[in-house]
Amino acid sequence: MKSKLITTVITATCIAASALCQLNAQTAVPGASPAAVSGEKHQHHQFDPERKLTRLTKRLDLTQAQQGQILPLLQQEAGTINSVKENASLSKKQKKQQIRASFKSIHGQILALLTPGQQAKLRQMHHGHRKQDGNAATPGASAGSTPAVQ
């Protein structure tokens, strides 16, 4: 009788665990962090250069030539972000500083490839993005400077 009860409990536990795994697999977003799946406000995800280029192309009406020049910059940015994130010797603050410096550098290079009208649109996009995040200004940024491309 005891062995039958134990077998039933083990079977029920296995079925429940299997169902939970299937539920997690169905609700998981490939490549997304648990924060992204749970709907937390600040989602940390893998930087995707192609997705960012598509977004910039749509919003700034980039030419094919501009796209060809910007994609390698975004890929370089992705490589820098990944290497900084994986560097266990850096503190969280140091990682944030290095990633911000990379953003600023790449942003400056991208701005140089844009027309004056596109530059204005990009600055406007970032200004609106900062307002949505509740940040009136980027710390350490002067009034005339532009934030990093994200």
N, C-alpha and C. Protein backbone atom coordinates (compact mmCIF):
# COMPACT_ATOMS: atom_id res chain seq x y z
N MET A 1 0.82 -1.18 0.00
CA MET A 1 0.00 0.00 0.00
C MET A 1 0.87 1.26 0.00
N LYS A 2 1.93 1.28 0.87
CA LYS A 2 2.83 2.43 0.93
C LYS A 2 3.53 2.64 -0.40
N SER A 3 3.98 1.57 -1.01
CA SER A 3 4.71 1.71 -2.27
C SER A 3 3.79 2.24 -3.37
N LYS A 4 2.50 1.87 -3.33
CA LYS A 4 1.55 2.37 -4.32
C LYS A 4 1.32 3.87 -4.12
N LEU A 5 1.25 4.31 -2.87
CA LEU A 5 1.07 5.71 -2.55
C LEU A 5 2.29 6.52 -2.98
N ILE A 6 3.49 6.00 -2.70
CA ILE A 6 4.72 6.67 -3.09
C ILE A 6 4.80 6.79 -4.61
N THR A 7 4.48 5.73 -5.31
CA THR A 7 4.48 5.74 -6.78
C THR A 7 3.51 6.78 -7.31
N THR A 8 2.34 6.88 -6.71
CA THR A 8 1.33 7.85 -7.14
C THR A 8 1.83 9.27 -6.91
N VAL A 9 2.44 9.53 -5.77
CA VAL A 9 2.96 10.86 -5.46
C VAL A 9 4.08 11.24 -6.43
N ILE A 10 4.97 10.30 -6.69
CA ILE A 10 6.08 10.57 -7.62
C ILE A 10 5.53 10.84 -9.02
N THR A 11 4.58 10.06 -9.45
CA THR A 11 3.98 10.26 -10.78
C THR A 11 3.31 11.62 -10.87
N ALA A 12 2.56 11.99 -9.83
CA ALA A 12 1.88 13.28 -9.83
C ALA A 12 2.89 14.42 -9.87
N THR A 13 3.98 14.29 -9.14
CA THR A 13 5.02 15.31 -9.12
C THR A 13 5.65 15.44 -10.50
N CYS A 14 5.93 14.34 -11.15
CA CYS A 14 6.51 14.36 -12.50
C CYS A 14 5.57 15.02 -13.49
N ILE A 15 4.30 14.71 -13.41
CA ILE A 15 3.30 15.31 -14.31
C ILE A 15 3.22 16.81 -14.09
N ALA A 16 3.22 17.24 -12.82
CA ALA A 16 3.15 18.67 -12.51
C ALA A 16 4.40 19.38 -13.02
N ALA A 17 5.56 18.78 -12.82
CA ALA A 17 6.81 19.38 -13.29
C ALA A 17 6.83 19.49 -14.80
N SER A 18 6.35 18.45 -15.47
CA SER A 18 6.29 18.47 -16.93
C SER A 18 5.35 19.57 -17.42
N ALA A 19 4.20 19.69 -16.79
CA ALA A 19 3.24 20.72 -17.18
C ALA A 19 3.83 22.12 -16.97
N LEU A 20 4.55 22.32 -15.87
CA LEU A 20 5.18 23.60 -15.59
C LEU A 20 6.24 23.93 -16.64
N CYS A 21 7.03 22.94 -17.01
CA CYS A 21 8.05 23.16 -18.05
C CYS A 21 7.42 23.54 -19.38
N GLN A 22 6.33 22.87 -19.74
CA GLN A 22 5.64 23.18 -20.99
C GLN A 22 5.06 24.58 -20.94
N LEU A 23 4.51 24.99 -19.81
CA LEU A 23 3.96 26.33 -19.66
C LEU A 23 5.05 27.37 -19.81
N ASN A 24 6.20 27.14 -19.16
CA ASN A 24 7.32 28.07 -19.27
C ASN A 24 7.82 28.15 -20.71
N ALA A 25 7.88 27.03 -21.39
CA ALA A 25 8.34 27.02 -22.78
C ALA A 25 7.38 27.78 -23.69
N GLN A 26 6.09 27.69 -23.41
CA GLN A 26 5.10 28.36 -24.25
C GLN A 26 5.11 29.87 -24.03
N THR A 27 5.38 30.32 -22.80
CA THR A 27 5.33 31.74 -22.50
C THR A 27 6.67 32.43 -22.67
N ALA A 28 7.74 31.66 -22.82
CA ALA A 28 9.07 32.25 -22.95
C ALA A 28 9.23 32.93 -24.30
N VAL A 29 9.95 34.04 -24.29
CA VAL A 29 10.29 34.74 -25.51
C VAL A 29 11.75 34.41 -25.81
N PRO A 30 12.04 33.83 -26.99
CA PRO A 30 13.42 33.46 -27.29
C PRO A 30 14.36 34.64 -27.14
N GLY A 31 15.43 34.45 -26.37
CA GLY A 31 16.43 35.49 -26.20
C GLY A 31 16.06 36.55 -25.19
N ALA A 32 14.85 36.48 -24.61
CA ALA A 32 14.43 37.50 -23.66
C ALA A 32 14.83 37.11 -22.25
N SER A 33 15.08 38.12 -21.46
CA SER A 33 15.41 37.87 -20.06
C SER A 33 14.13 37.61 -19.28
N PRO A 34 14.26 37.06 -18.07
CA PRO A 34 13.06 36.87 -17.25
C PRO A 34 12.33 38.19 -16.99
N ALA A 35 13.06 39.30 -16.90
CA ALA A 35 12.42 40.59 -16.70
C ALA A 35 11.53 40.95 -17.89
N ALA A 36 12.00 40.63 -19.10
CA ALA A 36 11.22 40.94 -20.29
C ALA A 36 9.96 40.11 -20.34
N VAL A 37 10.06 38.83 -19.97
CA VAL A 37 8.90 37.94 -20.01
C VAL A 37 7.89 38.34 -18.94
N SER A 38 8.39 38.75 -17.77
CA SER A 38 7.47 39.10 -16.68
C SER A 38 6.86 40.47 -16.86
N GLY A 39 7.36 41.26 -17.82
CA GLY A 39 6.77 42.56 -18.10
C GLY A 39 7.32 43.67 -17.21
N GLU A 40 8.48 43.47 -16.61
CA GLU A 40 9.06 44.52 -15.78
C GLU A 40 9.39 45.71 -16.66
N LYS A 41 9.40 46.91 -16.04
CA LYS A 41 9.56 48.15 -16.79
C LYS A 41 10.86 48.21 -17.60
N HIS A 42 11.97 47.95 -16.96
CA HIS A 42 13.25 48.04 -17.66
C HIS A 42 13.65 46.66 -18.14
N GLN A 43 13.50 46.46 -19.42
CA GLN A 43 13.82 45.16 -20.01
C GLN A 43 15.26 45.19 -20.50
N HIS A 44 16.04 44.23 -20.07
CA HIS A 44 17.41 44.11 -20.52
C HIS A 44 17.44 42.97 -21.53
N HIS A 45 17.76 43.31 -22.75
CA HIS A 45 17.75 42.31 -23.80
C HIS A 45 19.02 42.42 -24.62
N GLN A 46 19.20 41.45 -25.44
CA GLN A 46 20.35 41.43 -26.33
C GLN A 46 20.23 42.57 -27.33
N PHE A 47 21.29 43.34 -27.51
CA PHE A 47 21.31 44.43 -28.48
C PHE A 47 21.32 43.82 -29.87
N ASP A 48 20.39 44.24 -30.72
CA ASP A 48 20.26 43.69 -32.07
C ASP A 48 20.51 44.79 -33.10
N PRO A 49 21.69 44.81 -33.72
CA PRO A 49 22.03 45.86 -34.67
C PRO A 49 21.06 45.95 -35.85
N GLU A 50 20.62 44.81 -36.38
CA GLU A 50 19.71 44.82 -37.52
C GLU A 50 18.35 45.43 -37.15
N ARG A 51 17.87 45.08 -35.96
CA ARG A 51 16.58 45.61 -35.50
C ARG A 51 16.68 47.12 -35.29
N LYS A 52 17.80 47.56 -34.74
CA LYS A 52 17.99 48.99 -34.52
C LYS A 52 18.10 49.72 -35.86
N LEU A 53 18.80 49.13 -36.82
CA LEU A 53 18.92 49.75 -38.14
C LEU A 53 17.55 49.86 -38.80
N THR A 54 16.73 48.82 -38.68
CA THR A 54 15.38 48.85 -39.25
C THR A 54 14.57 49.99 -38.64
N ARG A 55 14.67 50.14 -37.33
CA ARG A 55 13.94 51.19 -36.63
C ARG A 55 14.43 52.57 -37.08
N LEU A 56 15.74 52.74 -37.17
CA LEU A 56 16.30 54.03 -37.61
C LEU A 56 15.93 54.32 -39.06
N THR A 57 15.96 53.29 -39.90
CA THR A 57 15.62 53.46 -41.31
C THR A 57 14.19 53.95 -41.45
N LYS A 58 13.30 53.34 -40.69
CA LYS A 58 11.89 53.71 -40.76
C LYS A 58 11.66 55.14 -40.25
N ARG A 59 12.28 55.48 -39.15
CA ARG A 59 12.04 56.78 -38.52
C ARG A 59 12.78 57.93 -39.20
N LEU A 60 13.95 57.64 -39.77
CA LEU A 60 14.77 58.69 -40.37
C LEU A 60 14.80 58.64 -41.89
N ASP A 61 14.14 57.67 -42.47
CA ASP A 61 14.12 57.49 -43.92
C ASP A 61 15.56 57.43 -44.46
N LEU A 62 16.33 56.49 -43.92
CA LEU A 62 17.72 56.33 -44.33
C LEU A 62 17.81 55.80 -45.76
N THR A 63 18.82 56.25 -46.47
CA THR A 63 19.08 55.73 -47.81
C THR A 63 19.80 54.39 -47.68
N GLN A 64 19.87 53.66 -48.79
CA GLN A 64 20.61 52.39 -48.80
C GLN A 64 22.07 52.63 -48.42
N ALA A 65 22.65 53.71 -48.94
CA ALA A 65 24.05 54.02 -48.65
C ALA A 65 24.25 54.28 -47.15
N GLN A 66 23.33 55.04 -46.55
CA GLN A 66 23.43 55.31 -45.12
C GLN A 66 23.30 54.02 -44.31
N GLN A 67 22.36 53.18 -44.72
CA GLN A 67 22.18 51.90 -44.02
C GLN A 67 23.47 51.08 -44.07
N GLY A 68 24.11 51.07 -45.23
CA GLY A 68 25.35 50.32 -45.40
C GLY A 68 26.48 50.86 -44.54
N GLN A 69 26.47 52.16 -44.27
CA GLN A 69 27.50 52.77 -43.44
C GLN A 69 27.19 52.62 -41.95
N ILE A 70 25.91 52.63 -41.61
CA ILE A 70 25.50 52.60 -40.20
C ILE A 70 25.53 51.19 -39.61
N LEU A 71 25.18 50.19 -40.40
CA LEU A 71 25.13 48.82 -39.87
C LEU A 71 26.46 48.38 -39.23
N PRO A 72 27.61 48.60 -39.88
CA PRO A 72 28.87 48.19 -39.23
C PRO A 72 29.11 48.92 -37.90
N LEU A 73 28.66 50.16 -37.80
CA LEU A 73 28.80 50.90 -36.55
C LEU A 73 27.95 50.27 -35.45
N LEU A 74 26.74 49.88 -35.81
CA LEU A 74 25.84 49.25 -34.84
C LEU A 74 26.36 47.87 -34.44
N GLN A 75 26.96 47.16 -35.39
CA GLN A 75 27.55 45.85 -35.08
C GLN A 75 28.75 46.02 -34.14
N GLN A 76 29.53 47.06 -34.38
CA GLN A 76 30.65 47.36 -33.49
C GLN A 76 30.13 47.67 -32.09
N GLU A 77 29.07 48.45 -32.02
CA GLU A 77 28.45 48.79 -30.73
C GLU A 77 27.99 47.52 -30.00
N ALA A 78 27.37 46.61 -30.74
CA ALA A 78 26.89 45.35 -30.15
C ALA A 78 28.07 44.54 -29.59
N GLY A 79 29.16 44.49 -30.34
CA GLY A 79 30.34 43.76 -29.88
C GLY A 79 30.91 44.36 -28.61
N THR A 80 30.96 45.68 -28.56
CA THR A 80 31.46 46.37 -27.37
C THR A 80 30.56 46.09 -26.17
N ILE A 81 29.26 46.20 -26.38
CA ILE A 81 28.30 45.95 -25.29
C ILE A 81 28.47 44.54 -24.75
N ASN A 82 28.53 43.57 -25.64
CA ASN A 82 28.66 42.17 -25.21
C ASN A 82 29.95 41.93 -24.45
N SER A 83 31.06 42.48 -24.94
CA SER A 83 32.34 42.25 -24.26
C SER A 83 32.37 42.93 -22.90
N VAL A 84 31.78 44.11 -22.81
CA VAL A 84 31.74 44.81 -21.51
C VAL A 84 30.86 44.04 -20.53
N LYS A 85 29.69 43.58 -21.00
CA LYS A 85 28.79 42.84 -20.12
C LYS A 85 29.42 41.55 -19.61
N GLU A 86 30.24 40.91 -20.43
CA GLU A 86 30.86 39.64 -20.06
C GLU A 86 32.12 39.81 -19.23
N ASN A 87 32.62 41.03 -19.10
CA ASN A 87 33.85 41.29 -18.37
C ASN A 87 33.57 41.28 -16.86
N ALA A 88 33.88 40.18 -16.23
CA ALA A 88 33.60 39.99 -14.81
C ALA A 88 34.47 40.87 -13.91
N SER A 89 35.55 41.42 -14.45
CA SER A 89 36.44 42.24 -13.63
C SER A 89 35.92 43.67 -13.45
N LEU A 90 34.89 44.04 -14.22
CA LEU A 90 34.34 45.39 -14.11
C LEU A 90 33.16 45.41 -13.15
N SER A 91 33.04 46.51 -12.41
CA SER A 91 31.88 46.69 -11.54
C SER A 91 30.69 47.08 -12.41
N LYS A 92 29.51 47.03 -11.83
CA LYS A 92 28.30 47.41 -12.56
C LYS A 92 28.40 48.87 -13.04
N LYS A 93 28.94 49.73 -12.19
CA LYS A 93 29.11 51.14 -12.54
C LYS A 93 30.09 51.31 -13.70
N GLN A 94 31.20 50.57 -13.65
CA GLN A 94 32.19 50.65 -14.72
C GLN A 94 31.60 50.17 -16.05
N LYS A 95 30.82 49.09 -15.98
CA LYS A 95 30.18 48.57 -17.19
C LYS A 95 29.26 49.62 -17.78
N LYS A 96 28.47 50.23 -16.94
CA LYS A 96 27.52 51.27 -17.40
C LYS A 96 28.28 52.43 -18.04
N GLN A 97 29.38 52.85 -17.42
CA GLN A 97 30.17 53.96 -17.96
C GLN A 97 30.77 53.60 -19.32
N GLN A 98 31.30 52.39 -19.45
CA GLN A 98 31.92 51.99 -20.71
C GLN A 98 30.88 51.85 -21.82
N ILE A 99 29.72 51.30 -21.49
CA ILE A 99 28.66 51.17 -22.49
C ILE A 99 28.16 52.55 -22.90
N ARG A 100 28.01 53.46 -21.95
CA ARG A 100 27.57 54.83 -22.28
C ARG A 100 28.60 55.51 -23.18
N ALA A 101 29.89 55.32 -22.90
CA ALA A 101 30.94 55.91 -23.73
C ALA A 101 30.87 55.35 -25.15
N SER A 102 30.61 54.06 -25.27
CA SER A 102 30.47 53.44 -26.59
C SER A 102 29.29 54.04 -27.34
N PHE A 103 28.15 54.18 -26.64
CA PHE A 103 26.96 54.77 -27.26
C PHE A 103 27.28 56.17 -27.79
N LYS A 104 27.95 56.98 -26.97
CA LYS A 104 28.25 58.36 -27.37
C LYS A 104 29.16 58.39 -28.60
N SER A 105 30.15 57.52 -28.61
CA SER A 105 31.08 57.46 -29.73
C SER A 105 30.36 57.07 -31.02
N ILE A 106 29.59 56.00 -30.95
CA ILE A 106 28.86 55.51 -32.12
C ILE A 106 27.84 56.55 -32.57
N HIS A 107 27.16 57.16 -31.61
CA HIS A 107 26.15 58.18 -31.93
C HIS A 107 26.77 59.32 -32.72
N GLY A 108 27.95 59.76 -32.30
CA GLY A 108 28.63 60.83 -33.02
C GLY A 108 28.96 60.43 -34.45
N GLN A 109 29.39 59.19 -34.63
CA GLN A 109 29.72 58.70 -35.97
C GLN A 109 28.46 58.60 -36.84
N ILE A 110 27.35 58.17 -36.23
CA ILE A 110 26.10 58.06 -36.98
C ILE A 110 25.60 59.44 -37.36
N LEU A 111 25.66 60.39 -36.43
CA LEU A 111 25.21 61.76 -36.73
C LEU A 111 25.95 62.34 -37.94
N ALA A 112 27.24 62.03 -38.04
CA ALA A 112 28.04 62.54 -39.15
C ALA A 112 27.57 62.01 -40.50
N LEU A 113 26.86 60.89 -40.50
CA LEU A 113 26.39 60.29 -41.75
C LEU A 113 24.99 60.78 -42.16
N LEU A 114 24.34 61.53 -41.28
CA LEU A 114 22.96 61.95 -41.52
C LEU A 114 22.88 63.35 -42.10
N THR A 115 21.78 63.61 -42.78
CA THR A 115 21.50 64.97 -43.25
C THR A 115 21.09 65.82 -42.05
N PRO A 116 21.13 67.15 -42.18
CA PRO A 116 20.69 68.00 -41.07
C PRO A 116 19.25 67.69 -40.61
N GLY A 117 18.36 67.40 -41.55
CA GLY A 117 16.99 67.06 -41.19
C GLY A 117 16.90 65.76 -40.40
N GLN A 118 17.69 64.77 -40.82
CA GLN A 118 17.71 63.49 -40.11
C GLN A 118 18.33 63.65 -38.72
N GLN A 119 19.36 64.50 -38.63
CA GLN A 119 19.97 64.76 -37.32
C GLN A 119 18.95 65.36 -36.36
N ALA A 120 18.17 66.31 -36.85
CA ALA A 120 17.14 66.94 -36.01
C ALA A 120 16.10 65.91 -35.56
N LYS A 121 15.69 65.03 -36.48
CA LYS A 121 14.72 63.98 -36.12
C LYS A 121 15.29 63.05 -35.06
N LEU A 122 16.56 62.68 -35.22
CA LEU A 122 17.19 61.78 -34.25
C LEU A 122 17.25 62.43 -32.88
N ARG A 123 17.63 63.70 -32.84
CA ARG A 123 17.68 64.41 -31.55
C ARG A 123 16.29 64.49 -30.92
N GLN A 124 15.29 64.72 -31.76
CA GLN A 124 13.91 64.79 -31.28
C GLN A 124 13.46 63.42 -30.74
N MET A 125 13.84 62.36 -31.43
CA MET A 125 13.51 61.01 -30.97
C MET A 125 14.10 60.75 -29.58
N HIS A 126 15.34 61.15 -29.38
CA HIS A 126 15.99 60.92 -28.10
C HIS A 126 15.41 61.79 -27.01
N HIS A 127 15.04 63.00 -27.36
CA HIS A 127 14.43 63.89 -26.38
C HIS A 127 13.11 63.28 -25.89
N GLY A 128 12.31 62.77 -26.80
CA GLY A 128 11.04 62.12 -26.44
C GLY A 128 11.27 60.85 -25.65
N HIS A 129 12.32 60.10 -25.99
CA HIS A 129 12.64 58.86 -25.28
C HIS A 129 13.01 59.15 -23.83
N ARG A 130 13.79 60.21 -23.62
CA ARG A 130 14.19 60.58 -22.25
C ARG A 130 12.96 61.00 -21.45
N LYS A 131 12.04 61.73 -22.06
CA LYS A 131 10.83 62.16 -21.35
C LYS A 131 10.00 60.96 -20.93
N GLN A 132 9.89 59.95 -21.82
CA GLN A 132 9.12 58.76 -21.50
C GLN A 132 9.74 58.01 -20.33
N ASP A 133 11.06 58.02 -20.23
CA ASP A 133 11.75 57.33 -19.14
C ASP A 133 11.69 58.13 -17.85
N GLY A 134 11.24 59.38 -17.94
CA GLY A 134 11.16 60.21 -16.74
C GLY A 134 12.45 60.93 -16.43
N ASN A 135 13.38 60.93 -17.38
CA ASN A 135 14.65 61.62 -17.19
C ASN A 135 14.62 62.92 -17.95
N ALA A 136 14.75 64.02 -17.25
CA ALA A 136 14.73 65.32 -17.91
C ALA A 136 16.00 65.53 -18.72
N ALA A 137 17.10 64.99 -18.23
CA ALA A 137 18.36 65.12 -18.96
C ALA A 137 19.26 63.96 -18.59
N THR A 138 20.16 63.67 -19.48
CA THR A 138 21.14 62.62 -19.22
C THR A 138 22.19 63.18 -18.28
N PRO A 139 22.50 62.50 -17.17
CA PRO A 139 23.51 63.01 -16.25
C PRO A 139 24.82 63.25 -16.97
N GLY A 140 25.41 64.40 -16.71
CA GLY A 140 26.70 64.72 -17.29
C GLY A 140 26.60 65.27 -18.70
N ALA A 141 25.40 65.37 -19.24
CA ALA A 141 25.25 65.89 -20.60
C ALA A 141 25.02 67.39 -20.54
N SER A 142 25.63 68.10 -21.46
CA SER A 142 25.39 69.55 -21.52
C SER A 142 24.11 69.80 -22.28
N ALA A 143 23.60 71.02 -22.18
CA ALA A 143 22.31 71.33 -22.80
C ALA A 143 22.34 71.15 -24.30
N GLY A 144 23.49 71.36 -24.95
CA GLY A 144 23.54 71.25 -26.40
C GLY A 144 23.93 69.87 -26.89
N SER A 145 24.27 68.97 -25.99
CA SER A 145 24.72 67.67 -26.44
C SER A 145 23.51 66.76 -26.69
N THR A 146 23.78 65.70 -27.42
CA THR A 146 22.71 64.74 -27.72
C THR A 146 23.02 63.45 -27.00
N PRO A 147 21.97 62.74 -26.61
CA PRO A 147 22.17 61.45 -25.94
C PRO A 147 22.61 60.39 -26.90
N ALA A 148 23.04 59.30 -26.36
CA ALA A 148 23.50 58.17 -27.19
C ALA A 148 22.35 57.50 -27.91
N VAL A 149 22.65 56.97 -29.09
CA VAL A 149 21.66 56.21 -29.85
C VAL A 149 21.41 54.91 -29.11
N GLN A 150 20.15 54.55 -28.93
CA GLN A 150 19.84 53.30 -28.25
C GLN A 150 18.97 52.43 -29.08
